[in-house]
Amino acid sequence: MYLLDTNIFLEVLLSGPRKEECRKFLELVWRGDAEGVVTDFTIHSILIIMGRLKRWKELSTFLSSLLAYRGLKIHWTSISDELRAIDLSRGRGLEVEDAMQYSVAVGERVEAIVSLDKHFDGLDVPRVEPKDINR
């Protein structure tokens, strides 16, 4: 199982330069050919970002699509997760939002964090990019 970082979804939603690679990976999870976990923190972050950009249609499509992913689990973060994230942020030099993702990745015992963000490099849970998983 992989933890899906926020930027994987945003790359597709905002038509970033690596949209196609991220889309292909997300399709694997959608079909159930790969298993992933996403945090409610990620969902809420996307809600805020897309809302600020007034990208209502894309936001609605994103939220609705989450229900159709066969290989996706949603991890609802707890206060304990958030406290661990603060400790990890201090101890690992991560931004709090990255520490939250890392904390959940450790707790869920994922194989890797799928992210375009190099801040996850060098941690106990490896970072992989979508192109490394696409089959």
N, C-alpha and C. Protein backbone atom coordinates (compact mmCIF):
# COMPACT_ATOMS: atom_id res chain seq x y z
N MET A 1 0.85 -1.18 0.00
CA MET A 1 0.00 0.00 0.00
C MET A 1 0.90 1.24 0.00
N TYR A 2 0.40 2.28 -0.66
CA TYR A 2 1.13 3.55 -0.77
C TYR A 2 0.33 4.67 -0.12
N LEU A 3 1.03 5.63 0.46
CA LEU A 3 0.37 6.86 0.90
C LEU A 3 0.44 7.84 -0.26
N LEU A 4 -0.70 8.39 -0.65
CA LEU A 4 -0.76 9.33 -1.76
C LEU A 4 -0.68 10.75 -1.22
N ASP A 5 0.34 11.46 -1.61
CA ASP A 5 0.52 12.85 -1.16
C ASP A 5 -0.43 13.77 -1.92
N THR A 6 -0.70 14.88 -1.33
CA THR A 6 -1.61 15.87 -1.88
C THR A 6 -1.23 16.28 -3.30
N ASN A 7 0.07 16.43 -3.56
CA ASN A 7 0.48 16.96 -4.87
C ASN A 7 0.18 16.01 -6.03
N ILE A 8 -0.03 14.73 -5.76
CA ILE A 8 -0.37 13.79 -6.83
C ILE A 8 -1.74 14.15 -7.40
N PHE A 9 -2.69 14.42 -6.54
CA PHE A 9 -4.02 14.82 -6.98
C PHE A 9 -4.00 16.22 -7.61
N LEU A 10 -3.30 17.15 -6.95
CA LEU A 10 -3.27 18.52 -7.46
C LEU A 10 -2.62 18.62 -8.83
N GLU A 11 -1.64 17.79 -9.08
CA GLU A 11 -0.97 17.81 -10.38
C GLU A 11 -1.98 17.53 -11.50
N VAL A 12 -2.90 16.61 -11.23
CA VAL A 12 -3.94 16.29 -12.22
C VAL A 12 -5.00 17.39 -12.25
N LEU A 13 -5.47 17.80 -11.09
CA LEU A 13 -6.54 18.79 -11.01
C LEU A 13 -6.15 20.14 -11.62
N LEU A 14 -4.86 20.49 -11.48
CA LEU A 14 -4.40 21.79 -11.97
C LEU A 14 -3.62 21.69 -13.28
N SER A 15 -3.66 20.50 -13.90
CA SER A 15 -2.98 20.28 -15.20
C SER A 15 -1.51 20.67 -15.15
N GLY A 16 -0.82 20.18 -14.14
CA GLY A 16 0.62 20.43 -14.00
C GLY A 16 1.40 19.67 -15.06
N PRO A 17 2.70 19.96 -15.14
CA PRO A 17 3.54 19.33 -16.18
C PRO A 17 3.66 17.81 -16.04
N ARG A 18 3.38 17.27 -14.87
CA ARG A 18 3.48 15.81 -14.67
C ARG A 18 2.11 15.18 -14.50
N LYS A 19 1.11 15.86 -15.03
CA LYS A 19 -0.28 15.42 -14.93
C LYS A 19 -0.47 13.99 -15.42
N GLU A 20 0.07 13.66 -16.57
CA GLU A 20 -0.18 12.36 -17.18
C GLU A 20 0.39 11.22 -16.33
N GLU A 21 1.58 11.40 -15.82
CA GLU A 21 2.19 10.38 -14.96
C GLU A 21 1.36 10.17 -13.69
N CYS A 22 0.89 11.26 -13.10
CA CYS A 22 0.06 11.16 -11.90
C CYS A 22 -1.30 10.54 -12.22
N ARG A 23 -1.88 10.92 -13.34
CA ARG A 23 -3.17 10.38 -13.76
C ARG A 23 -3.09 8.86 -13.94
N LYS A 24 -2.02 8.39 -14.57
CA LYS A 24 -1.86 6.95 -14.78
C LYS A 24 -1.75 6.20 -13.46
N PHE A 25 -1.01 6.77 -12.52
CA PHE A 25 -0.90 6.12 -11.21
C PHE A 25 -2.26 6.11 -10.51
N LEU A 26 -2.95 7.25 -10.51
CA LEU A 26 -4.26 7.31 -9.87
C LEU A 26 -5.24 6.33 -10.50
N GLU A 27 -5.11 6.12 -11.79
CA GLU A 27 -5.96 5.15 -12.47
C GLU A 27 -5.71 3.73 -11.94
N LEU A 28 -4.45 3.41 -11.64
CA LEU A 28 -4.14 2.10 -11.05
C LEU A 28 -4.88 1.92 -9.72
N VAL A 29 -4.88 2.96 -8.92
CA VAL A 29 -5.56 2.91 -7.62
C VAL A 29 -7.07 2.86 -7.83
N TRP A 30 -7.56 3.64 -8.78
CA TRP A 30 -8.99 3.66 -9.08
C TRP A 30 -9.48 2.26 -9.47
N ARG A 31 -8.70 1.57 -10.31
CA ARG A 31 -9.07 0.21 -10.77
C ARG A 31 -8.87 -0.84 -9.67
N GLY A 32 -8.07 -0.52 -8.66
CA GLY A 32 -7.76 -1.49 -7.62
C GLY A 32 -6.51 -2.30 -7.93
N ASP A 33 -5.76 -1.90 -8.96
CA ASP A 33 -4.51 -2.59 -9.31
C ASP A 33 -3.36 -2.18 -8.40
N ALA A 34 -3.54 -1.12 -7.65
CA ALA A 34 -2.59 -0.67 -6.63
C ALA A 34 -3.44 -0.21 -5.44
N GLU A 35 -2.90 -0.36 -4.24
CA GLU A 35 -3.62 0.07 -3.05
C GLU A 35 -2.98 1.33 -2.49
N GLY A 36 -3.83 2.25 -2.09
CA GLY A 36 -3.33 3.49 -1.55
C GLY A 36 -4.16 3.95 -0.37
N VAL A 37 -3.57 4.86 0.37
CA VAL A 37 -4.26 5.51 1.47
C VAL A 37 -4.07 7.01 1.29
N VAL A 38 -5.13 7.74 1.56
CA VAL A 38 -5.08 9.20 1.50
C VAL A 38 -5.63 9.70 2.83
N THR A 39 -5.05 10.78 3.31
CA THR A 39 -5.52 11.34 4.58
C THR A 39 -6.65 12.33 4.34
N ASP A 40 -7.49 12.46 5.34
CA ASP A 40 -8.52 13.50 5.27
C ASP A 40 -7.84 14.87 5.24
N PHE A 41 -6.64 14.95 5.78
CA PHE A 41 -5.85 16.18 5.73
C PHE A 41 -5.59 16.57 4.27
N THR A 42 -5.24 15.58 3.44
CA THR A 42 -5.04 15.82 2.01
C THR A 42 -6.33 16.29 1.35
N ILE A 43 -7.41 15.61 1.66
CA ILE A 43 -8.70 15.97 1.05
C ILE A 43 -9.07 17.40 1.42
N HIS A 44 -8.90 17.75 2.69
CA HIS A 44 -9.24 19.11 3.13
C HIS A 44 -8.29 20.15 2.52
N SER A 45 -7.03 19.80 2.37
CA SER A 45 -6.07 20.72 1.74
C SER A 45 -6.46 20.99 0.30
N ILE A 46 -6.87 19.95 -0.41
CA ILE A 46 -7.30 20.12 -1.80
C ILE A 46 -8.57 20.95 -1.85
N LEU A 47 -9.46 20.72 -0.92
CA LEU A 47 -10.69 21.51 -0.83
C LEU A 47 -10.37 23.00 -0.68
N ILE A 48 -9.43 23.32 0.19
CA ILE A 48 -9.05 24.72 0.42
C ILE A 48 -8.39 25.31 -0.83
N ILE A 49 -7.43 24.60 -1.39
CA ILE A 49 -6.69 25.12 -2.56
C ILE A 49 -7.62 25.32 -3.74
N MET A 50 -8.41 24.32 -4.07
CA MET A 50 -9.29 24.42 -5.24
C MET A 50 -10.40 25.45 -4.99
N GLY A 51 -10.86 25.56 -3.74
CA GLY A 51 -11.87 26.56 -3.41
C GLY A 51 -11.33 27.98 -3.59
N ARG A 52 -10.10 28.20 -3.15
CA ARG A 52 -9.49 29.52 -3.32
C ARG A 52 -9.33 29.89 -4.79
N LEU A 53 -9.10 28.86 -5.62
CA LEU A 53 -8.95 29.07 -7.06
C LEU A 53 -10.31 29.10 -7.77
N LYS A 54 -11.36 28.88 -7.00
CA LYS A 54 -12.72 28.85 -7.54
C LYS A 54 -12.88 27.81 -8.65
N ARG A 55 -12.26 26.68 -8.45
CA ARG A 55 -12.32 25.57 -9.41
C ARG A 55 -13.37 24.58 -8.92
N TRP A 56 -14.62 25.05 -8.89
CA TRP A 56 -15.72 24.31 -8.30
C TRP A 56 -15.99 22.99 -9.01
N LYS A 57 -16.02 23.01 -10.33
CA LYS A 57 -16.33 21.78 -11.09
C LYS A 57 -15.28 20.70 -10.82
N GLU A 58 -13.99 21.08 -10.90
CA GLU A 58 -12.91 20.12 -10.66
C GLU A 58 -12.95 19.60 -9.22
N LEU A 59 -13.27 20.48 -8.29
CA LEU A 59 -13.35 20.09 -6.89
C LEU A 59 -14.48 19.10 -6.66
N SER A 60 -15.62 19.38 -7.25
CA SER A 60 -16.76 18.48 -7.12
C SER A 60 -16.45 17.12 -7.74
N THR A 61 -15.82 17.13 -8.91
CA THR A 61 -15.44 15.88 -9.58
C THR A 61 -14.45 15.10 -8.72
N PHE A 62 -13.46 15.79 -8.17
CA PHE A 62 -12.47 15.15 -7.31
C PHE A 62 -13.14 14.46 -6.12
N LEU A 63 -13.96 15.21 -5.40
CA LEU A 63 -14.59 14.65 -4.20
C LEU A 63 -15.49 13.47 -4.55
N SER A 64 -16.27 13.59 -5.60
CA SER A 64 -17.15 12.49 -6.03
C SER A 64 -16.35 11.28 -6.45
N SER A 65 -15.21 11.50 -7.10
CA SER A 65 -14.41 10.38 -7.61
C SER A 65 -13.81 9.55 -6.49
N LEU A 66 -13.58 10.15 -5.34
CA LEU A 66 -12.98 9.40 -4.22
C LEU A 66 -13.82 8.18 -3.84
N LEU A 67 -15.11 8.29 -4.03
CA LEU A 67 -16.00 7.18 -3.68
C LEU A 67 -15.87 6.00 -4.64
N ALA A 68 -15.33 6.24 -5.83
CA ALA A 68 -15.24 5.20 -6.85
C ALA A 68 -13.90 4.47 -6.88
N TYR A 69 -12.91 4.96 -6.13
CA TYR A 69 -11.59 4.32 -6.14
C TYR A 69 -11.68 2.96 -5.44
N ARG A 70 -11.39 1.90 -6.19
CA ARG A 70 -11.46 0.54 -5.61
C ARG A 70 -10.29 0.26 -4.67
N GLY A 71 -9.14 0.88 -4.93
CA GLY A 71 -7.95 0.59 -4.14
C GLY A 71 -7.59 1.66 -3.13
N LEU A 72 -8.52 2.55 -2.81
CA LEU A 72 -8.19 3.69 -1.95
C LEU A 72 -8.89 3.61 -0.60
N LYS A 73 -8.10 3.84 0.42
CA LYS A 73 -8.60 3.90 1.80
C LYS A 73 -8.40 5.34 2.28
N ILE A 74 -9.35 5.86 3.03
CA ILE A 74 -9.20 7.20 3.61
C ILE A 74 -8.83 7.03 5.08
N HIS A 75 -7.74 7.68 5.46
CA HIS A 75 -7.30 7.66 6.86
C HIS A 75 -7.78 8.97 7.51
N TRP A 76 -8.65 8.83 8.48
CA TRP A 76 -9.17 10.00 9.20
C TRP A 76 -8.20 10.29 10.34
N THR A 77 -7.51 11.42 10.24
CA THR A 77 -6.48 11.73 11.24
C THR A 77 -7.11 12.04 12.60
N SER A 78 -6.33 11.71 13.62
CA SER A 78 -6.75 11.94 14.99
C SER A 78 -5.85 13.00 15.62
N ILE A 79 -6.22 13.43 16.78
CA ILE A 79 -5.37 14.36 17.53
C ILE A 79 -4.02 13.71 17.80
N SER A 80 -4.01 12.40 18.05
CA SER A 80 -2.74 11.69 18.26
C SER A 80 -1.86 11.76 17.02
N ASP A 81 -2.46 11.60 15.83
CA ASP A 81 -1.70 11.75 14.59
C ASP A 81 -1.09 13.15 14.50
N GLU A 82 -1.88 14.13 14.85
CA GLU A 82 -1.42 15.51 14.75
C GLU A 82 -0.32 15.82 15.76
N LEU A 83 -0.42 15.28 16.96
CA LEU A 83 0.64 15.45 17.96
C LEU A 83 1.94 14.78 17.49
N ARG A 84 1.81 13.57 16.91
CA ARG A 84 2.98 12.88 16.36
C ARG A 84 3.60 13.71 15.22
N ALA A 85 2.74 14.33 14.42
CA ALA A 85 3.23 15.15 13.31
C ALA A 85 4.04 16.34 13.83
N ILE A 86 3.61 16.93 14.91
CA ILE A 86 4.36 18.05 15.49
C ILE A 86 5.73 17.57 15.96
N ASP A 87 5.76 16.43 16.64
CA ASP A 87 7.04 15.87 17.10
C ASP A 87 7.94 15.54 15.91
N LEU A 88 7.36 14.93 14.87
CA LEU A 88 8.14 14.60 13.68
C LEU A 88 8.64 15.86 12.97
N SER A 89 7.82 16.87 12.96
CA SER A 89 8.20 18.13 12.32
C SER A 89 9.44 18.70 13.01
N ARG A 90 9.41 18.70 14.32
CA ARG A 90 10.57 19.19 15.07
C ARG A 90 11.78 18.27 14.91
N GLY A 91 11.55 16.98 15.03
CA GLY A 91 12.65 16.01 15.02
C GLY A 91 13.25 15.75 13.65
N ARG A 92 12.46 15.86 12.60
CA ARG A 92 12.92 15.54 11.25
C ARG A 92 13.10 16.76 10.36
N GLY A 93 12.75 17.93 10.89
CA GLY A 93 12.88 19.14 10.10
C GLY A 93 11.89 19.23 8.95
N LEU A 94 10.73 18.60 9.12
CA LEU A 94 9.69 18.63 8.09
C LEU A 94 8.68 19.74 8.38
N GLU A 95 8.07 20.25 7.32
CA GLU A 95 6.93 21.14 7.50
C GLU A 95 5.82 20.30 8.15
N VAL A 96 4.94 20.94 8.89
CA VAL A 96 3.91 20.20 9.61
C VAL A 96 3.05 19.38 8.65
N GLU A 97 2.71 19.94 7.48
CA GLU A 97 1.86 19.18 6.55
C GLU A 97 2.57 17.93 6.02
N ASP A 98 3.89 18.01 5.81
CA ASP A 98 4.65 16.83 5.39
C ASP A 98 4.79 15.84 6.55
N ALA A 99 4.97 16.37 7.74
CA ALA A 99 5.08 15.51 8.93
C ALA A 99 3.77 14.75 9.17
N MET A 100 2.64 15.38 8.87
CA MET A 100 1.35 14.71 9.02
C MET A 100 1.27 13.51 8.07
N GLN A 101 1.67 13.72 6.83
CA GLN A 101 1.65 12.64 5.85
C GLN A 101 2.60 11.52 6.28
N TYR A 102 3.79 11.90 6.70
CA TYR A 102 4.79 10.93 7.11
C TYR A 102 4.32 10.13 8.33
N SER A 103 3.70 10.81 9.28
CA SER A 103 3.18 10.15 10.48
C SER A 103 2.17 9.08 10.11
N VAL A 104 1.27 9.40 9.21
CA VAL A 104 0.26 8.44 8.78
C VAL A 104 0.92 7.31 7.99
N ALA A 105 1.90 7.64 7.16
CA ALA A 105 2.60 6.61 6.38
C ALA A 105 3.25 5.59 7.31
N VAL A 106 3.87 6.06 8.38
CA VAL A 106 4.50 5.17 9.36
C VAL A 106 3.43 4.34 10.07
N GLY A 107 2.37 5.00 10.51
CA GLY A 107 1.29 4.31 11.23
C GLY A 107 0.58 3.27 10.38
N GLU A 108 0.42 3.56 9.11
CA GLU A 108 -0.27 2.63 8.20
C GLU A 108 0.68 1.57 7.63
N ARG A 109 1.96 1.73 7.95
CA ARG A 109 3.00 0.80 7.47
C ARG A 109 2.97 0.65 5.94
N VAL A 110 2.93 1.80 5.27
CA VAL A 110 2.89 1.77 3.81
C VAL A 110 4.25 1.39 3.25
N GLU A 111 4.23 0.93 2.03
CA GLU A 111 5.46 0.57 1.31
C GLU A 111 6.27 1.82 0.95
N ALA A 112 5.55 2.88 0.57
CA ALA A 112 6.22 4.12 0.17
C ALA A 112 5.20 5.26 0.14
N ILE A 113 5.74 6.47 0.14
CA ILE A 113 4.94 7.67 -0.05
C ILE A 113 5.06 8.05 -1.52
N VAL A 114 3.93 8.16 -2.20
CA VAL A 114 3.94 8.57 -3.60
C VAL A 114 3.80 10.09 -3.60
N SER A 115 4.87 10.75 -4.03
CA SER A 115 4.92 12.21 -3.96
C SER A 115 5.92 12.76 -4.96
N LEU A 116 5.67 13.98 -5.37
CA LEU A 116 6.64 14.71 -6.18
C LEU A 116 7.52 15.58 -5.28
N ASP A 117 7.25 15.56 -4.00
CA ASP A 117 7.91 16.41 -3.01
C ASP A 117 9.16 15.74 -2.46
N LYS A 118 10.31 16.31 -2.73
CA LYS A 118 11.59 15.73 -2.30
C LYS A 118 11.85 15.89 -0.81
N HIS A 119 10.96 16.61 -0.10
CA HIS A 119 11.12 16.73 1.35
C HIS A 119 10.99 15.38 2.04
N PHE A 120 10.38 14.41 1.36
CA PHE A 120 10.22 13.08 1.95
C PHE A 120 11.44 12.19 1.74
N ASP A 121 12.40 12.65 0.96
CA ASP A 121 13.60 11.84 0.72
C ASP A 121 14.41 11.69 2.00
N GLY A 122 14.99 10.51 2.17
CA GLY A 122 15.86 10.26 3.31
C GLY A 122 15.15 9.87 4.59
N LEU A 123 13.84 9.64 4.52
CA LEU A 123 13.09 9.22 5.71
C LEU A 123 13.02 7.70 5.75
N ASP A 124 12.49 7.16 6.84
CA ASP A 124 12.39 5.71 7.00
C ASP A 124 11.42 5.08 6.00
N VAL A 125 10.42 5.83 5.60
CA VAL A 125 9.50 5.36 4.56
C VAL A 125 9.97 6.00 3.26
N PRO A 126 10.30 5.19 2.25
CA PRO A 126 10.82 5.78 1.02
C PRO A 126 9.77 6.58 0.25
N ARG A 127 10.25 7.52 -0.53
CA ARG A 127 9.40 8.28 -1.44
C ARG A 127 9.59 7.70 -2.83
N VAL A 128 8.48 7.50 -3.53
CA VAL A 128 8.54 7.11 -4.93
C VAL A 128 7.69 8.10 -5.72
N GLU A 129 8.00 8.20 -6.99
CA GLU A 129 7.20 9.04 -7.88
C GLU A 129 6.24 8.17 -8.65
N PRO A 130 5.16 8.74 -9.12
CA PRO A 130 4.16 7.93 -9.85
C PRO A 130 4.75 7.14 -11.01
N LYS A 131 5.71 7.71 -11.71
CA LYS A 131 6.31 7.02 -12.85
C LYS A 131 7.03 5.75 -12.43
N ASP A 132 7.43 5.66 -11.16
CA ASP A 132 8.11 4.48 -10.65
C ASP A 132 7.15 3.31 -10.41
N ILE A 133 5.86 3.59 -10.39
CA ILE A 133 4.86 2.57 -10.08
C ILE A 133 4.03 2.21 -11.30
N ASN A 134 3.84 3.15 -12.20
CA ASN A 134 2.98 2.90 -13.37
C ASN A 134 3.36 1.62 -14.08
N ARG A 135 2.36 0.82 -14.35
CA ARG A 135 2.59 -0.48 -15.00
C ARG A 135 1.98 -0.47 -16.38
